[in-house]
Amino acid sequence: MNVILIGSGNVATQLGLFFQQSGHQISQVYSRNLANASALALLLNTEAVDQLSLLAKDADLYLIAVSDAAIADIAAAMPQVSGIVCHCSGASPLDLLDRFYKYGVIYPPQSISKGLNTDLSKLPFAIEGNNAPVTAELLALMQAMSSTAFA
């Protein structure tokens, strides 16, 4: 799967590494601060961008891993894309992403810190999609990486 990370903090870092170690390609990292995007992009050997308009529009998954307060603004400013757009907040509603055709939520019900080595394959991930096919695709993706993912 081709993944674009939107955010460069704790969750973006850990999930980016987790996806990459699971065989997925991270094709871009976005942060409003180019230095932060570049630091994570260097770690993941990918491209850094600081403008949402520069996001590739053909990735399979756009993972919005930013503060809960920033999700709506990010979603509103993103270009239309062909892949699934997900946020990583258990406290934010799914419909923040309803301007996209395919959207969902992937979140771990516990805090993640980029400073701690956490075996994400042992963490449960809660999954929700805007329809049954999106939910099934996200669930299959996460269950392949973490057997305790659930919808």
Protein backbone atom coordinates (compact mmCIF):
# COMPACT_ATOMS: atom_id res chain seq x y z
CA MET A 1 0.00 0.00 0.00
CA ASN A 2 1.20 3.50 -0.82
CA VAL A 3 0.74 5.72 2.26
CA ILE A 4 1.01 9.47 2.75
CA LEU A 5 1.51 10.71 6.31
CA ILE A 6 -0.09 14.00 7.23
CA GLY A 7 1.62 15.05 10.43
CA SER A 8 5.07 14.51 11.87
CA GLY A 9 4.53 14.01 15.60
CA ASN A 10 4.29 10.98 17.88
CA VAL A 11 1.54 9.06 16.10
CA ALA A 12 2.77 9.88 12.57
CA THR A 13 6.29 8.77 13.46
CA GLN A 14 5.32 5.49 15.08
CA LEU A 15 2.66 4.61 12.49
CA GLY A 16 4.96 5.60 9.64
CA LEU A 17 7.67 3.26 10.93
CA PHE A 18 5.08 0.54 11.60
CA PHE A 19 3.63 0.75 8.08
CA GLN A 20 7.08 0.81 6.51
CA GLN A 21 8.32 -2.17 8.56
CA SER A 22 5.17 -4.03 7.51
CA GLY A 23 6.10 -3.63 3.84
CA HIS A 24 4.10 -0.56 2.90
CA GLN A 25 5.60 2.43 1.10
CA ILE A 26 5.50 5.86 2.68
CA SER A 27 5.57 8.17 -0.32
CA GLN A 28 5.29 11.57 1.39
CA VAL A 29 5.27 13.23 4.79
CA TYR A 30 3.39 16.50 5.20
CA SER A 31 3.82 18.97 8.03
CA ARG A 32 3.10 22.68 8.05
CA ASN A 33 6.68 22.99 9.33
CA LEU A 34 9.03 21.77 6.59
CA ALA A 35 11.82 21.03 9.07
CA ASN A 36 9.53 18.62 10.96
CA ALA A 37 8.34 16.98 7.73
CA SER A 38 11.95 16.67 6.57
CA ALA A 39 13.10 15.05 9.81
CA LEU A 40 10.45 12.33 9.57
CA ALA A 41 10.88 11.98 5.80
CA LEU A 42 14.61 11.42 6.33
CA LEU A 43 13.86 8.67 8.84
CA LEU A 44 11.43 7.05 6.37
CA ASN A 45 13.52 7.78 3.25
CA THR A 46 10.76 9.68 1.49
CA GLU A 47 9.69 13.14 0.33
CA ALA A 48 8.78 15.98 2.68
CA VAL A 49 6.17 18.62 1.81
CA ASP A 50 4.81 21.61 3.69
CA GLN A 51 1.86 22.44 1.43
CA LEU A 52 -1.21 20.24 1.20
CA SER A 53 -1.54 21.16 -2.47
CA LEU A 54 1.69 19.21 -3.10
CA LEU A 55 0.25 15.90 -1.87
CA ALA A 56 0.19 13.17 -4.49
CA LYS A 57 -3.42 12.50 -5.40
CA ASP A 58 -3.10 8.78 -6.17
CA ALA A 59 -1.92 7.22 -2.87
CA ASP A 60 -3.88 4.34 -1.36
CA LEU A 61 -4.06 5.81 2.15
CA TYR A 62 -3.80 9.33 3.54
CA LEU A 63 -3.19 9.06 7.27
CA ILE A 64 -4.02 12.29 9.12
CA ALA A 65 -2.02 12.05 12.34
CA VAL A 66 -2.32 15.54 13.79
CA SER A 67 -3.87 17.03 16.92
CA ASP A 68 -7.61 16.53 17.24
CA ALA A 69 -8.14 20.27 16.90
CA ALA A 70 -6.33 20.37 13.52
CA ILE A 71 -8.14 17.47 11.78
CA ALA A 72 -11.04 19.52 10.38
CA ASP A 73 -8.78 22.26 9.00
CA ILE A 74 -6.44 19.72 7.39
CA ALA A 75 -9.34 17.83 5.83
CA ALA A 76 -10.89 21.03 4.48
CA ALA A 77 -7.60 22.14 2.91
CA MET A 78 -6.63 18.79 1.36
CA PRO A 79 -7.09 18.27 -2.36
CA GLN A 80 -9.55 15.63 -3.53
CA VAL A 81 -7.74 12.29 -3.62
CA SER A 82 -8.52 8.80 -4.87
CA GLY A 83 -7.41 6.85 -1.80
CA ILE A 84 -8.85 6.38 1.68
CA VAL A 85 -8.45 9.39 3.97
CA CYS A 86 -8.19 8.44 7.66
CA HIS A 87 -7.63 10.28 10.87
CA CYS A 88 -6.14 8.73 13.98
CA SER A 89 -8.34 10.19 16.71
CA GLY A 90 -10.72 8.17 18.81
CA ALA A 91 -12.24 11.40 20.13
CA SER A 92 -13.01 13.03 16.76
CA PRO A 93 -16.03 12.16 14.62
CA LEU A 94 -15.67 10.27 11.38
CA ASP A 95 -17.72 12.85 9.50
CA LEU A 96 -14.89 15.39 9.73
CA LEU A 97 -13.72 13.63 6.55
CA ASP A 98 -17.06 13.37 4.76
CA ARG A 99 -15.97 15.52 1.82
CA PHE A 100 -13.95 12.54 0.60
CA TYR A 101 -15.39 9.53 -1.22
CA LYS A 102 -13.60 6.98 0.99
CA TYR A 103 -12.72 7.82 4.58
CA GLY A 104 -12.24 6.27 7.97
CA VAL A 105 -10.54 6.18 11.33
CA ILE A 106 -7.59 4.08 12.47
CA TYR A 107 -6.69 4.70 16.08
CA PRO A 108 -4.92 2.94 18.90
CA PRO A 109 -6.92 3.22 22.12
CA GLN A 110 -3.74 4.10 24.01
CA SER A 111 -1.17 6.88 23.75
CA ILE A 112 1.80 6.50 21.44
CA SER A 113 5.08 8.33 21.92
CA LYS A 114 7.81 8.61 19.31
CA GLY A 115 10.38 8.57 22.12
CA LEU A 116 9.42 5.08 23.28
CA ASN A 117 9.90 1.85 21.38
CA THR A 118 6.44 0.35 21.30
CA ASP A 119 5.62 -2.89 19.53
CA LEU A 120 2.56 -1.69 17.65
CA SER A 121 1.85 -5.19 16.39
CA LYS A 122 0.68 -6.01 19.93
CA LEU A 123 -1.62 -3.00 20.26
CA PRO A 124 -5.28 -3.11 19.35
CA PHE A 125 -6.38 -0.67 16.65
CA ALA A 126 -9.97 0.46 16.34
CA ILE A 127 -11.21 0.77 12.76
CA GLU A 128 -14.21 2.56 11.30
CA GLY A 129 -14.98 3.36 7.68
CA ASN A 130 -17.67 5.39 5.98
CA ASN A 131 -19.10 2.22 4.42
CA ALA A 132 -18.67 -1.55 4.67
CA PRO A 133 -16.06 -1.91 1.88
CA VAL A 134 -13.85 0.84 3.35
CA THR A 135 -14.17 -0.65 6.84
CA ALA A 136 -13.26 -4.10 5.47
CA GLU A 137 -10.23 -2.73 3.61
CA LEU A 138 -8.93 -0.83 6.63
CA LEU A 139 -9.58 -3.77 8.94
CA ALA A 140 -7.72 -6.17 6.63
CA LEU A 141 -4.81 -3.73 6.40
CA MET A 142 -4.50 -3.33 10.16
CA GLN A 143 -5.15 -7.01 11.01
CA ALA A 144 -2.25 -7.96 8.75
CA MET A 145 -0.05 -5.76 10.97
CA SER A 146 -1.80 -6.17 14.34
CA SER A 147 -3.92 -9.24 14.96
CA THR A 148 -5.89 -7.37 17.62
CA ALA A 149 -7.32 -4.72 15.25
CA PHE A 150 -11.10 -4.53 15.45
CA ALA A 151 -14.02 -2.72 13.82
